[in-house]
Amino acid sequence: MFSKLRVDPHKKCLVNLPEGWVTLFLARTRESAFLFGAVIGLRDKCLPTDEGIQREIGGFAKVLQFTVENIHVLDVYHGHKYPQGGGLVDVNLLDKSVIWAGVDECGRNEFFGERIPLADVLVTL
């Protein structure tokens, strides 16, 4: 389902995202061979509701790592999307996580322990 995804850094988006999915976070990374990292989720399960409470997005989101030739897809087993923007997800890979901040915050963005400068953040919801 995600094998045709690619990053368009000029348009700051993921191309060929399946219908019903949304990009929660997308950034350039410098960790080993990975060029970009992203968090995507099901729109109706991951975006905040009208009540403005945080959403538990474990099981409804994925972490993606893009190399030049491949995409690595990791399941999110625990995570939250905050109504004011930003979120946190954990993958079952040596207790690694992704943290991202909303657009109105100072920007604590981290991808598996690698701090992401604001200049390298392409999308944040």
PDB file of N, CA and C in Angstrom:
ATOM      1  N   MET A   1       0.808  -1.190   0.000  1.00  0.00           N
ATOM      2  CA  MET A   1       0.000   0.000   0.000  1.00  0.00           C
ATOM      3  C   MET A   1       0.861   1.268   0.000  1.00  0.00           C
ATOM      4  N   PHE A   2       2.037   1.222   0.597  1.00  0.00           N
ATOM      5  CA  PHE A   2       2.886   2.404   0.686  1.00  0.00           C
ATOM      6  C   PHE A   2       4.095   2.346  -0.244  1.00  0.00           C
ATOM      7  N   SER A   3       4.201   1.311  -1.053  1.00  0.00           N
ATOM      8  CA  SER A   3       5.395   1.119  -1.875  1.00  0.00           C
ATOM      9  C   SER A   3       5.580   2.191  -2.944  1.00  0.00           C
ATOM     10  N   LYS A   4       4.527   2.878  -3.337  1.00  0.00           N
ATOM     11  CA  LYS A   4       4.621   3.905  -4.382  1.00  0.00           C
ATOM     12  C   LYS A   4       4.790   5.313  -3.819  1.00  0.00           C
ATOM     13  N   LEU A   5       4.873   5.424  -2.513  1.00  0.00           N
ATOM     14  CA  LEU A   5       5.056   6.736  -1.904  1.00  0.00           C
ATOM     15  C   LEU A   5       6.424   7.306  -2.247  1.00  0.00           C
ATOM     16  N   ARG A   6       6.465   8.613  -2.417  1.00  0.00           N
ATOM     17  CA  ARG A   6       7.740   9.293  -2.575  1.00  0.00           C
ATOM     18  C   ARG A   6       7.609  10.688  -1.991  1.00  0.00           C
ATOM     19  N   VAL A   7       8.739  11.286  -1.693  1.00  0.00           N
ATOM     20  CA  VAL A   7       8.775  12.623  -1.112  1.00  0.00           C
ATOM     21  C   VAL A   7       9.039  13.636  -2.219  1.00  0.00           C
ATOM     22  N   ASP A   8       8.245  14.703  -2.231  1.00  0.00           N
ATOM     23  CA  ASP A   8       8.511  15.840  -3.104  1.00  0.00           C
ATOM     24  C   ASP A   8       8.917  16.997  -2.191  1.00  0.00           C
ATOM     25  N   PRO A   9      10.232  17.181  -1.982  1.00  0.00           N
ATOM     26  CA  PRO A   9      10.672  18.222  -1.047  1.00  0.00           C
ATOM     27  C   PRO A   9      10.352  19.637  -1.502  1.00  0.00           C
ATOM     28  N   HIS A  10      10.210  19.843  -2.808  1.00  0.00           N
ATOM     29  CA  HIS A  10       9.895  21.174  -3.321  1.00  0.00           C
ATOM     30  C   HIS A  10       8.450  21.566  -3.004  1.00  0.00           C
ATOM     31  N   LYS A  11       7.547  20.588  -3.087  1.00  0.00           N
ATOM     32  CA  LYS A  11       6.140  20.842  -2.749  1.00  0.00           C
ATOM     33  C   LYS A  11       5.848  20.571  -1.276  1.00  0.00           C
ATOM     34  N   LYS A  12       6.847  20.049  -0.564  1.00  0.00           N
ATOM     35  CA  LYS A  12       6.716  19.723   0.866  1.00  0.00           C
ATOM     36  C   LYS A  12       5.543  18.789   1.117  1.00  0.00           C
ATOM     37  N   CYS A  13       5.590  17.645   0.430  1.00  0.00           N
ATOM     38  CA  CYS A  13       4.497  16.684   0.595  1.00  0.00           C
ATOM     39  C   CYS A  13       4.946  15.272   0.235  1.00  0.00           C
ATOM     40  N   LEU A  14       4.101  14.314   0.604  1.00  0.00           N
ATOM     41  CA  LEU A  14       4.254  12.937   0.160  1.00  0.00           C
ATOM     42  C   LEU A  14       3.362  12.747  -1.052  1.00  0.00           C
ATOM     43  N   VAL A  15       3.903  12.174  -2.088  1.00  0.00           N
ATOM     44  CA  VAL A  15       3.165  11.907  -3.315  1.00  0.00           C
ATOM     45  C   VAL A  15       2.671  10.466  -3.269  1.00  0.00           C
ATOM     46  N   ASN A  16       1.454  10.236  -3.746  1.00  0.00           N
ATOM     47  CA  ASN A  16       0.809   8.921  -3.805  1.00  0.00           C
ATOM     48  C   ASN A  16       0.392   8.405  -2.435  1.00  0.00           C
ATOM     49  N   LEU A  17       0.089   9.303  -1.507  1.00  0.00           N
ATOM     50  CA  LEU A  17      -0.422   8.898  -0.208  1.00  0.00           C
ATOM     51  C   LEU A  17      -1.802   8.280  -0.416  1.00  0.00           C
ATOM     52  N   PRO A  18      -2.048   7.089   0.148  1.00  0.00           N
ATOM     53  CA  PRO A  18      -3.346   6.448  -0.068  1.00  0.00           C
ATOM     54  C   PRO A  18      -4.506   7.326   0.424  1.00  0.00           C
ATOM     55  N   GLU A  19      -5.638   7.179  -0.209  1.00  0.00           N
ATOM     56  CA  GLU A  19      -6.815   7.949   0.181  1.00  0.00           C
ATOM     57  C   GLU A  19      -7.178   7.644   1.632  1.00  0.00           C
ATOM     58  N   GLY A  20      -7.510   8.686   2.349  1.00  0.00           N
ATOM     59  CA  GLY A  20      -7.878   8.532   3.753  1.00  0.00           C
ATOM     60  C   GLY A  20      -6.717   8.698   4.716  1.00  0.00           C
ATOM     61  N   TRP A  21      -5.499   8.821   4.182  1.00  0.00           N
ATOM     62  CA  TRP A  21      -4.313   8.996   5.016  1.00  0.00           C
ATOM     63  C   TRP A  21      -3.848  10.447   4.956  1.00  0.00           C
ATOM     64  N   VAL A  22      -3.192  10.898   6.010  1.00  0.00           N
ATOM     65  CA  VAL A  22      -2.700  12.261   6.089  1.00  0.00           C
ATOM     66  C   VAL A  22      -1.268  12.244   6.615  1.00  0.00           C
ATOM     67  N   THR A  23      -0.472  13.207   6.178  1.00  0.00           N
ATOM     68  CA  THR A  23       0.899  13.341   6.668  1.00  0.00           C
ATOM     69  C   THR A  23       0.875  14.174   7.941  1.00  0.00           C
ATOM     70  N   LEU A  24       1.309  13.584   9.044  1.00  0.00           N
ATOM     71  CA  LEU A  24       1.352  14.282  10.323  1.00  0.00           C
ATOM     72  C   LEU A  24       2.692  14.985  10.523  1.00  0.00           C
ATOM     73  N   PHE A  25       3.749  14.376   9.986  1.00  0.00           N
ATOM     74  CA  PHE A  25       5.092  14.945  10.133  1.00  0.00           C
ATOM     75  C   PHE A  25       5.952  14.435   8.984  1.00  0.00           C
ATOM     76  N   LEU A  26       6.746  15.330   8.409  1.00  0.00           N
ATOM     77  CA  LEU A  26       7.671  14.967   7.339  1.00  0.00           C
ATOM     78  C   LEU A  26       8.893  15.856   7.476  1.00  0.00           C
ATOM     79  N   ALA A  27      10.081  15.240   7.472  1.00  0.00           N
ATOM     80  CA  ALA A  27      11.313  16.020   7.638  1.00  0.00           C
ATOM     81  C   ALA A  27      12.476  15.340   6.943  1.00  0.00           C
ATOM     82  N   ARG A  28      13.466  16.159   6.616  1.00  0.00           N
ATOM     83  CA  ARG A  28      14.740  15.617   6.146  1.00  0.00           C
ATOM     84  C   ARG A  28      15.460  15.045   7.359  1.00  0.00           C
ATOM     85  N   THR A  29      16.100  13.913   7.174  1.00  0.00           N
ATOM     86  CA  THR A  29      16.884  13.320   8.262  1.00  0.00           C
ATOM     87  C   THR A  29      18.300  13.077   7.771  1.00  0.00           C
ATOM     88  N   ARG A  30      19.175  12.899   8.720  1.00  0.00           N
ATOM     89  CA  ARG A  30      20.574  12.637   8.367  1.00  0.00           C
ATOM     90  C   ARG A  30      21.053  11.328   8.983  1.00  0.00           C
ATOM     91  N   GLU A  31      20.115  10.582   9.542  1.00  0.00           N
ATOM     92  CA  GLU A  31      20.455   9.345  10.233  1.00  0.00           C
ATOM     93  C   GLU A  31      20.825   8.263   9.221  1.00  0.00           C
ATOM     94  N   SER A  32      22.037   7.848   9.206  1.00  0.00           N
ATOM     95  CA  SER A  32      22.576   6.810   8.309  1.00  0.00           C
ATOM     96  C   SER A  32      22.130   7.042   6.870  1.00  0.00           C
ATOM     97  N   ALA A  33      21.516   6.056   6.264  1.00  0.00           N
ATOM     98  CA  ALA A  33      21.152   6.139   4.847  1.00  0.00           C
ATOM     99  C   ALA A  33      19.778   6.766   4.624  1.00  0.00           C
ATOM    100  N   PHE A  34      19.078   7.126   5.694  1.00  0.00           N
ATOM    101  CA  PHE A  34      17.718   7.633   5.535  1.00  0.00           C
ATOM    102  C   PHE A  34      17.718   9.119   5.195  1.00  0.00           C
ATOM    103  N   LEU A  35      17.032   9.464   4.117  1.00  0.00           N
ATOM    104  CA  LEU A  35      16.982  10.846   3.642  1.00  0.00           C
ATOM    105  C   LEU A  35      15.826  11.626   4.251  1.00  0.00           C
ATOM    106  N   PHE A  36      14.685  10.958   4.431  1.00  0.00           N
ATOM    107  CA  PHE A  36      13.495  11.588   4.979  1.00  0.00           C
ATOM    108  C   PHE A  36      12.838  10.648   5.977  1.00  0.00           C
ATOM    109  N   GLY A  37      12.151  11.231   6.930  1.00  0.00           N
ATOM    110  CA  GLY A  37      11.337  10.475   7.870  1.00  0.00           C
ATOM    111  C   GLY A  37       9.958  11.094   7.915  1.00  0.00           C
ATOM    112  N   ALA A  38       8.945  10.268   8.118  1.00  0.00           N
ATOM    113  CA  ALA A  38       7.576  10.772   8.132  1.00  0.00           C
ATOM    114  C   ALA A  38       6.734   9.977   9.115  1.00  0.00           C
ATOM    115  N   VAL A  39       5.673  10.616   9.566  1.00  0.00           N
ATOM    116  CA  VAL A  39       4.622   9.947  10.328  1.00  0.00           C
ATOM    117  C   VAL A  39       3.338  10.209   9.567  1.00  0.00           C
ATOM    118  N   ILE A  40       2.637   9.143   9.216  1.00  0.00           N
ATOM    119  CA  ILE A  40       1.358   9.272   8.528  1.00  0.00           C
ATOM    120  C   ILE A  40       0.305   8.549   9.343  1.00  0.00           C
ATOM    121  N   GLY A  41      -0.949   8.919   9.135  1.00  0.00           N
ATOM    122  CA  GLY A  41      -2.025   8.264   9.870  1.00  0.00           C
ATOM    123  C   GLY A  41      -3.341   8.353   9.138  1.00  0.00           C
ATOM    124  N   LEU A  42      -4.271   7.534   9.576  1.00  0.00           N
ATOM    125  CA  LEU A  42      -5.616   7.590   9.024  1.00  0.00           C
ATOM    126  C   LEU A  42      -6.274   8.893   9.465  1.00  0.00           C
ATOM    127  N   ARG A  43      -6.739   9.660   8.506  1.00  0.00           N
ATOM    128  CA  ARG A  43      -7.295  10.990   8.776  1.00  0.00           C
ATOM    129  C   ARG A  43      -8.376  10.952   9.862  1.00  0.00           C
ATOM    130  N   ASP A  44      -9.327  10.042   9.741  1.00  0.00           N
ATOM    131  CA  ASP A  44     -10.455  10.021  10.682  1.00  0.00           C
ATOM    132  C   ASP A  44     -10.093   9.458  12.051  1.00  0.00           C
ATOM    133  N   LYS A  45      -8.932   8.835  12.188  1.00  0.00           N
ATOM    134  CA  LYS A  45      -8.509   8.268  13.471  1.00  0.00           C
ATOM    135  C   LYS A  45      -7.409   9.075  14.154  1.00  0.00           C
ATOM    136  N   CYS A  46      -6.709   9.924  13.405  1.00  0.00           N
ATOM    137  CA  CYS A  46      -5.516  10.585  13.947  1.00  0.00           C
ATOM    138  C   CYS A  46      -5.642  12.089  14.120  1.00  0.00           C
ATOM    139  N   LEU A  47      -6.535  12.728  13.399  1.00  0.00           N
ATOM    140  CA  LEU A  47      -6.670  14.175  13.562  1.00  0.00           C
ATOM    141  C   LEU A  47      -7.587  14.482  14.740  1.00  0.00           C
ATOM    142  N   PRO A  48      -7.341  15.591  15.433  1.00  0.00           N
ATOM    143  CA  PRO A  48      -8.153  15.934  16.606  1.00  0.00           C
ATOM    144  C   PRO A  48      -9.638  16.067  16.269  1.00  0.00           C
ATOM    145  N   THR A  49     -10.463  15.779  17.249  1.00  0.00           N
ATOM    146  CA  THR A  49     -11.909  15.908  17.087  1.00  0.00           C
ATOM    147  C   THR A  49     -12.343  17.312  17.501  1.00  0.00           C
ATOM    148  N   ASP A  50     -13.605  17.590  17.338  1.00  0.00           N
ATOM    149  CA  ASP A  50     -14.149  18.894  17.722  1.00  0.00           C
ATOM    150  C   ASP A  50     -14.011  19.158  19.220  1.00  0.00           C
ATOM    151  N   GLU A  51     -13.938  18.097  20.001  1.00  0.00           N
ATOM    152  CA  GLU A  51     -13.798  18.269  21.444  1.00  0.00           C
ATOM    153  C   GLU A  51     -12.426  18.810  21.826  1.00  0.00           C
ATOM    154  N   GLY A  52     -11.480  18.777  20.903  1.00  0.00           N
ATOM    155  CA  GLY A  52     -10.161  19.340  21.156  1.00  0.00           C
ATOM    156  C   GLY A  52      -9.316  18.531  22.124  1.00  0.00           C
ATOM    157  N   ILE A  53      -9.582  17.238  22.227  1.00  0.00           N
ATOM    158  CA  ILE A  53      -8.763  16.400  23.102  1.00  0.00           C
ATOM    159  C   ILE A  53      -7.734  15.652  22.271  1.00  0.00           C
ATOM    160  N   GLN A  54      -6.667  15.218  22.925  1.00  0.00           N
ATOM    161  CA  GLN A  54      -5.644  14.472  22.194  1.00  0.00           C
ATOM    162  C   GLN A  54      -6.207  13.142  21.722  1.00  0.00           C
ATOM    163  N   ARG A  55      -5.671  12.650  20.633  1.00  0.00           N
ATOM    164  CA  ARG A  55      -6.105  11.366  20.078  1.00  0.00           C
ATOM    165  C   ARG A  55      -5.032  10.326  20.298  1.00  0.00           C
ATOM    166  N   GLU A  56      -5.416   9.154  20.740  1.00  0.00           N
ATOM    167  CA  GLU A  56      -4.509   8.010  20.802  1.00  0.00           C
ATOM    168  C   GLU A  56      -4.448   7.448  19.391  1.00  0.00           C
ATOM    169  N   ILE A  57      -3.253   7.436  18.792  1.00  0.00           N
ATOM    170  CA  ILE A  57      -3.130   7.035  17.384  1.00  0.00           C
ATOM    171  C   ILE A  57      -2.365   5.726  17.187  1.00  0.00           C
ATOM    172  N   GLY A  58      -2.062   5.050  18.283  1.00  0.00           N
ATOM    173  CA  GLY A  58      -1.417   3.745  18.160  1.00  0.00           C
ATOM    174  C   GLY A  58      -2.297   2.790  17.367  1.00  0.00           C
ATOM    175  N   GLY A  59      -1.711   2.123  16.390  1.00  0.00           N
ATOM    176  CA  GLY A  59      -2.462   1.206  15.545  1.00  0.00           C
ATOM    177  C   GLY A  59      -3.076   1.867  14.324  1.00  0.00           C
ATOM    178  N   PHE A  60      -3.108   3.214  14.301  1.00  0.00           N
ATOM    179  CA  PHE A  60      -3.699   3.943  13.181  1.00  0.00           C
ATOM    180  C   PHE A  60      -2.673   4.792  12.440  1.00  0.00           C
ATOM    181  N   ALA A  61      -1.418   4.695  12.838  1.00  0.00           N
ATOM    182  CA  ALA A  61      -0.367   5.517  12.226  1.00  0.00           C
ATOM    183  C   ALA A  61       0.820   4.633  11.858  1.00  0.00           C
ATOM    184  N   LYS A  62       1.652   5.160  10.975  1.00  0.00           N
ATOM    185  CA  LYS A  62       2.867   4.478  10.532  1.00  0.00           C
ATOM    186  C   LYS A  62       4.019   5.468  10.536  1.00  0.00           C
ATOM    187  N   VAL A  63       5.215   4.968  10.782  1.00  0.00           N
ATOM    188  CA  VAL A  63       6.434   5.751  10.626  1.00  0.00           C
ATOM    189  C   VAL A  63       7.110   5.263   9.354  1.00  0.00           C
ATOM    190  N   LEU A  64       7.514   6.199   8.516  1.00  0.00           N
ATOM    191  CA  LEU A  64       8.162   5.867   7.251  1.00  0.00           C
ATOM    192  C   LEU A  64       9.578   6.414   7.252  1.00  0.00           C
ATOM    193  N   GLN A  65      10.497   5.628   6.723  1.00  0.00           N
ATOM    194  CA  GLN A  65      11.878   6.059   6.518  1.00  0.00           C
ATOM    195  C   GLN A  65      12.196   5.858   5.044  1.00  0.00           C
ATOM    196  N   PHE A  66      12.661   6.919   4.413  1.00  0.00           N
ATOM    197  CA  PHE A  66      12.933   6.902   2.980  1.00  0.00           C
ATOM    198  C   PHE A  66      14.433   6.885   2.725  1.00  0.00           C
ATOM    199  N   THR A  67      14.882   5.907   1.928  1.00  0.00           N
ATOM    200  CA  THR A  67      16.246   5.897   1.409  1.00  0.00           C
ATOM    201  C   THR A  67      16.146   6.314  -0.055  1.00  0.00           C
ATOM    202  N   VAL A  68      17.240   6.280  -0.752  1.00  0.00           N
ATOM    203  CA  VAL A  68      17.210   6.611  -2.177  1.00  0.00           C
ATOM    204  C   VAL A  68      16.328   5.624  -2.937  1.00  0.00           C
ATOM    205  N   GLU A  69      16.361   4.357  -2.550  1.00  0.00           N
ATOM    206  CA  GLU A  69      15.660   3.323  -3.312  1.00  0.00           C
ATOM    207  C   GLU A  69      14.486   2.677  -2.604  1.00  0.00           C
ATOM    208  N   ASN A  70      14.411   2.772  -1.282  1.00  0.00           N
ATOM    209  CA  ASN A  70      13.405   2.011  -0.537  1.00  0.00           C
ATOM    210  C   ASN A  70      12.641   2.870   0.460  1.00  0.00           C
ATOM    211  N   ILE A  71      11.533   2.289   0.926  1.00  0.00           N
ATOM    212  CA  ILE A  71      10.753   2.864   2.017  1.00  0.00           C
ATOM    213  C   ILE A  71      10.646   1.799   3.103  1.00  0.00           C
ATOM    214  N   HIS A  72      10.990   2.164   4.314  1.00  0.00           N
ATOM    215  CA  HIS A  72      10.815   1.281   5.459  1.00  0.00           C
ATOM    216  C   HIS A  72       9.571   1.742   6.198  1.00  0.00           C
ATOM    217  N   VAL A  73       8.629   0.839   6.411  1.00  0.00           N
ATOM    218  CA  VAL A  73       7.374   1.160   7.081  1.00  0.00           C
ATOM    219  C   VAL A  73       7.360   0.466   8.439  1.00  0.00           C
ATOM    220  N   LEU A  74       7.137   1.253   9.491  1.00  0.00           N
ATOM    221  CA  LEU A  74       7.111   0.736  10.857  1.00  0.00           C
ATOM    222  C   LEU A  74       5.758   1.023  11.481  1.00  0.00           C
ATOM    223  N   ASP A  75       5.217   0.050  12.197  1.00  0.00           N
ATOM    224  CA  ASP A  75       3.939   0.224  12.870  1.00  0.00           C
ATOM    225  C   ASP A  75       4.110   1.062  14.129  1.00  0.00           C
ATOM    226  N   VAL A  76       3.153   1.928  14.377  1.00  0.00           N
ATOM    227  CA  VAL A  76       3.115   2.700  15.613  1.00  0.00           C
ATOM    228  C   VAL A  76       2.290   1.904  16.614  1.00  0.00           C
ATOM    229  N   TYR A  77       2.891   1.552  17.741  1.00  0.00           N
ATOM    230  CA  TYR A  77       2.136   0.787  18.723  1.00  0.00           C
ATOM    231  C   TYR A  77       1.568   1.681  19.818  1.00  0.00           C
ATOM    232  N   HIS A  78       2.095   2.878  19.972  1.00  0.00           N
ATOM    233  CA  HIS A  78       1.585   3.836  20.944  1.00  0.00           C
ATOM    234  C   HIS A  78       1.873   5.232  20.430  1.00  0.00           C
ATOM    235  N   GLY A  79       0.947   6.141  20.637  1.00  0.00           N
ATOM    236  CA  GLY A  79       1.205   7.514  20.223  1.00  0.00           C
ATOM    237  C   GLY A  79       0.027   8.415  20.489  1.00  0.00           C
ATOM    238  N   HIS A  80       0.313   9.717  20.457  1.00  0.00           N
ATOM    239  CA  HIS A  80      -0.716  10.725  20.662  1.00  0.00           C
ATOM    240  C   HIS A  80      -0.564  11.836  19.635  1.00  0.00           C
ATOM    241  N   LYS A  81      -1.687  12.342  19.167  1.00  0.00           N
ATOM    242  CA  LYS A  81      -1.734  13.538  18.335  1.00  0.00           C
ATOM    243  C   LYS A  81      -2.427  14.596  19.173  1.00  0.00           C
ATOM    244  N   TYR A  82      -1.756  15.730  19.367  1.00  0.00           N
ATOM    245  CA  TYR A  82      -2.269  16.774  20.233  1.00  0.00           C
ATOM    246  C   TYR A  82      -3.103  17.771  19.445  1.00  0.00           C
ATOM    247  N   PRO A  83      -4.194  18.285  20.021  1.00  0.00           N
ATOM    248  CA  PRO A  83      -5.082  19.173  19.269  1.00  0.00           C
ATOM    249  C   PRO A  83      -4.431  20.485  18.866  1.00  0.00           C
ATOM    250  N   GLN A  84      -3.488  20.982  19.650  1.00  0.00           N
ATOM    251  CA  GLN A  84      -2.835  22.242  19.324  1.00  0.00           C
ATOM    252  C   GLN A  84      -1.732  22.070  18.284  1.00  0.00           C
ATOM    253  N   GLY A  85      -1.490  20.850  17.866  1.00  0.00           N
ATOM    254  CA  GLY A  85      -0.446  20.557  16.883  1.00  0.00           C
ATOM    255  C   GLY A  85       0.660  19.753  17.520  1.00  0.00           C
ATOM    256  N   GLY A  86       1.284  18.900  16.730  1.00  0.00           N
ATOM    257  CA  GLY A  86       2.379  18.081  17.225  1.00  0.00           C
ATOM    258  C   GLY A  86       1.896  16.739  17.741  1.00  0.00           C
ATOM    259  N   GLY A  87       2.854  15.938  18.146  1.00  0.00           N
ATOM    260  CA  GLY A  87       2.513  14.620  18.643  1.00  0.00           C
ATOM    261  C   GLY A  87       3.750  13.823  19.010  1.00  0.00           C
ATOM    262  N   LEU A  88       3.507  12.586  19.358  1.00  0.00           N
ATOM    263  CA  LEU A  88       4.550  11.650  19.765  1.00  0.00           C
ATOM    264  C   LEU A  88       4.095  10.262  19.377  1.00  0.00           C
ATOM    265  N   VAL A  89       4.984   9.485  18.758  1.00  0.00           N
ATOM    266  CA  VAL A  89       4.678   8.087  18.459  1.00  0.00           C
ATOM    267  C   VAL A  89       5.865   7.213  18.841  1.00  0.00           C
ATOM    268  N   ASP A  90       5.551   6.014  19.276  1.00  0.00           N
ATOM    269  CA  ASP A  90       6.564   5.010  19.605  1.00  0.00           C
ATOM    270  C   ASP A  90       6.411   3.835  18.663  1.00  0.00           C
ATOM    271  N   VAL A  91       7.548   3.323  18.189  1.00  0.00           N
ATOM    272  CA  VAL A  91       7.535   2.098  17.398  1.00  0.00           C
ATOM    273  C   VAL A  91       8.238   1.021  18.206  1.00  0.00           C
ATOM    274  N   ASN A  92       7.901  -0.200  17.939  1.00  0.00           N
ATOM    275  CA  ASN A  92       8.467  -1.317  18.686  1.00  0.00           C
ATOM    276  C   ASN A  92       9.815  -1.710  18.090  1.00  0.00           C
ATOM    277  N   LEU A  93      10.726  -0.767  18.082  1.00  0.00           N
ATOM    278  CA  LEU A  93      12.045  -0.969  17.508  1.00  0.00           C
ATOM    279  C   LEU A  93      13.055  -0.391  18.491  1.00  0.00           C
ATOM    280  N   LEU A  94      13.439  -1.198  19.453  1.00  0.00           N
ATOM    281  CA  LEU A  94      14.386  -0.750  20.472  1.00  0.00           C
ATOM    282  C   LEU A  94      13.917   0.523  21.162  1.00  0.00           C
ATOM    283  N   ASP A  95      12.609   0.599  21.420  1.00  0.00           N
ATOM    284  CA  ASP A  95      12.018   1.743  22.124  1.00  0.00           C
ATOM    285  C   ASP A  95      12.341   3.080  21.472  1.00  0.00           C
ATOM    286  N   LYS A  96      12.250   3.152  20.174  1.00  0.00           N
ATOM    287  CA  LYS A  96      12.522   4.397  19.448  1.00  0.00           C
ATOM    288  C   LYS A  96      11.216   5.168  19.247  1.00  0.00           C
ATOM    289  N   SER A  97      11.355   6.500  19.174  1.00  0.00           N
ATOM    290  CA  SER A  97      10.163   7.321  19.028  1.00  0.00           C
ATOM    291  C   SER A  97      10.419   8.509  18.102  1.00  0.00           C
ATOM    292  N   VAL A  98       9.306   9.117  17.698  1.00  0.00           N
ATOM    293  CA  VAL A  98       9.326  10.337  16.905  1.00  0.00           C
ATOM    294  C   VAL A  98       8.494  11.357  17.667  1.00  0.00           C
ATOM    295  N   ILE A  99       9.043  12.556  17.823  1.00  0.00           N
ATOM    296  CA  ILE A  99       8.352  13.656  18.494  1.00  0.00           C
ATOM    297  C   ILE A  99       8.307  14.815  17.501  1.00  0.00           C
ATOM    298  N   TRP A 100       7.150  15.456  17.401  1.00  0.00           N
ATOM    299  CA  TRP A 100       7.096  16.647  16.563  1.00  0.00           C
ATOM    300  C   TRP A 100       6.237  17.704  17.231  1.00  0.00           C
ATOM    301  N   ALA A 101       6.562  18.955  16.942  1.00  0.00           N
ATOM    302  CA  ALA A 101       5.880  20.090  17.554  1.00  0.00           C
ATOM    303  C   ALA A 101       4.968  20.767  16.554  1.00  0.00           C
ATOM    304  N   GLY A 102       3.953  21.433  17.072  1.00  0.00           N
ATOM    305  CA  GLY A 102       3.051  22.188  16.211  1.00  0.00           C
ATOM    306  C   GLY A 102       3.752  23.390  15.615  1.00  0.00           C
ATOM    307  N   VAL A 103       3.117  23.982  14.623  1.00  0.00           N
ATOM    308  CA  VAL A 103       3.740  25.091  13.901  1.00  0.00           C
ATOM    309  C   VAL A 103       3.939  26.330  14.764  1.00  0.00           C
ATOM    310  N   ASP A 104       3.164  26.479  15.829  1.00  0.00           N
ATOM    311  CA  ASP A 104       3.274  27.670  16.660  1.00  0.00           C
ATOM    312  C   ASP A 104       4.206  27.470  17.855  1.00  0.00           C
ATOM    313  N   GLU A 105       4.890  26.340  17.907  1.00  0.00           N
ATOM    314  CA  GLU A 105       5.793  26.060  19.015  1.00  0.00           C
ATOM    315  C   GLU A 105       7.242  26.252  18.587  1.00  0.00           C
ATOM    316  N   CYS A 106       8.147  26.230  19.553  1.00  0.00           N
ATOM    317  CA  CYS A 106       9.558  26.478  19.253  1.00  0.00           C
ATOM    318  C   CYS A 106      10.192  25.342  18.460  1.00  0.00           C
ATOM    319  N   GLY A 107       9.588  24.185  18.454  1.00  0.00           N
ATOM    320  CA  GLY A 107      10.048  23.138  17.562  1.00  0.00           C
ATOM    321  C   GLY A 107      10.945  22.078  18.154  1.00  0.00           C
ATOM    322  N   ARG A 108      10.403  21.255  19.034  1.00  0.00           N
ATOM    323  CA  ARG A 108      11.147  20.088  19.485  1.00  0.00           C
ATOM    324  C   ARG A 108      10.752  18.957  18.552  1.00  0.00           C
ATOM    325  N   ASN A 109      11.557  18.773  17.540  1.00  0.00           N
ATOM    326  CA  ASN A 109      11.309  17.736  16.554  1.00  0.00           C
ATOM    327  C   ASN A 109      12.460  16.747  16.611  1.00  0.00           C
ATOM    328  N   GLU A 110      12.109  15.488  16.785  1.00  0.00           N
ATOM    329  CA  GLU A 110      13.125  14.449  16.956  1.00  0.00           C
ATOM    330  C   GLU A 110      12.669  13.187  16.241  1.00  0.00           C
ATOM    331  N   PHE A 111      13.568  12.612  15.476  1.00  0.00           N
ATOM    332  CA  PHE A 111      13.266  11.383  14.745  1.00  0.00           C
ATOM    333  C   PHE A 111      14.242  10.317  15.209  1.00  0.00           C
ATOM    334  N   PHE A 112      13.780   9.375  15.999  1.00  0.00           N
ATOM    335  CA  PHE A 112      14.598   8.289  16.545  1.00  0.00           C
ATOM    336  C   PHE A 112      15.867   8.815  17.210  1.00  0.00           C
ATOM    337  N   GLY A 113      15.710   9.850  18.028  1.00  0.00           N
ATOM    338  CA  GLY A 113      16.829  10.404  18.775  1.00  0.00           C
ATOM    339  C   GLY A 113      17.617  11.474  18.054  1.00  0.00           C
ATOM    340  N   GLU A 114      17.362  11.650  16.776  1.00  0.00           N
ATOM    341  CA  GLU A 114      18.058  12.682  15.995  1.00  0.00           C
ATOM    342  C   GLU A 114      17.234  13.963  16.033  1.00  0.00           C
ATOM    343  N   ARG A 115      17.820  15.025  16.534  1.00  0.00           N
ATOM    344  CA  ARG A 115      17.142  16.320  16.592  1.00  0.00           C
ATOM    345  C   ARG A 115      17.004  16.868  15.169  1.00  0.00           C
ATOM    346  N   ILE A 116      15.824  17.325  14.806  1.00  0.00           N
ATOM    347  CA  ILE A 116      15.561  17.837  13.464  1.00  0.00           C
ATOM    348  C   ILE A 116      15.471  19.363  13.532  1.00  0.00           C
ATOM    349  N   PRO A 117      16.382  20.085  12.871  1.00  0.00           N
ATOM    350  CA  PRO A 117      16.294  21.554  12.842  1.00  0.00           C
ATOM    351  C   PRO A 117      15.018  22.000  12.124  1.00  0.00           C
ATOM    352  N   LEU A 118      14.469  23.134  12.531  1.00  0.00           N
ATOM    353  CA  LEU A 118      13.231  23.633  11.916  1.00  0.00           C
ATOM    354  C   LEU A 118      13.359  23.774  10.400  1.00  0.00           C
ATOM    355  N   ALA A 119      14.538  24.099   9.907  1.00  0.00           N
ATOM    356  CA  ALA A 119      14.745  24.252   8.464  1.00  0.00           C
ATOM    357  C   ALA A 119      14.525  22.942   7.705  1.00  0.00           C
ATOM    358  N   ASP A 120      14.671  21.812   8.394  1.00  0.00           N
ATOM    359  CA  ASP A 120      14.501  20.498   7.749  1.00  0.00           C
ATOM    360  C   ASP A 120      13.115  19.919   7.902  1.00  0.00           C
ATOM    361  N   VAL A 121      12.229  20.605   8.614  1.00  0.00           N
ATOM    362  CA  VAL A 121      10.849  20.143   8.781  1.00  0.00           C
ATOM    363  C   VAL A 121      10.027  20.612   7.595  1.00  0.00           C
ATOM    364  N   LEU A 122       9.416  19.668   6.882  1.00  0.00           N
ATOM    365  CA  LEU A 122       8.616  19.993   5.699  1.00  0.00           C
ATOM    366  C   LEU A 122       7.130  20.080   6.015  1.00  0.00           C
ATOM    367  N   VAL A 123       6.630  19.188   6.880  1.00  0.00           N
ATOM    368  CA  VAL A 123       5.206  19.158   7.240  1.00  0.00           C
ATOM    369  C   VAL A 123       5.110  18.900   8.736  1.00  0.00           C
ATOM    370  N   THR A 124       4.239  19.633   9.399  1.00  0.00           N
ATOM    371  CA  THR A 124       3.919  19.339  10.787  1.00  0.00           C
ATOM    372  C   THR A 124       2.461  19.697  11.041  1.00  0.00           C
ATOM    373  N   LEU A 125       1.698  18.743  11.540  1.00  0.00           N
ATOM    374  CA  LEU A 125       0.290  18.966  11.888  1.00  0.00           C
ATOM    375  C   LEU A 125       0.131  18.813  13.384  1.00  0.00           C
TER     376      LEU A 125
END
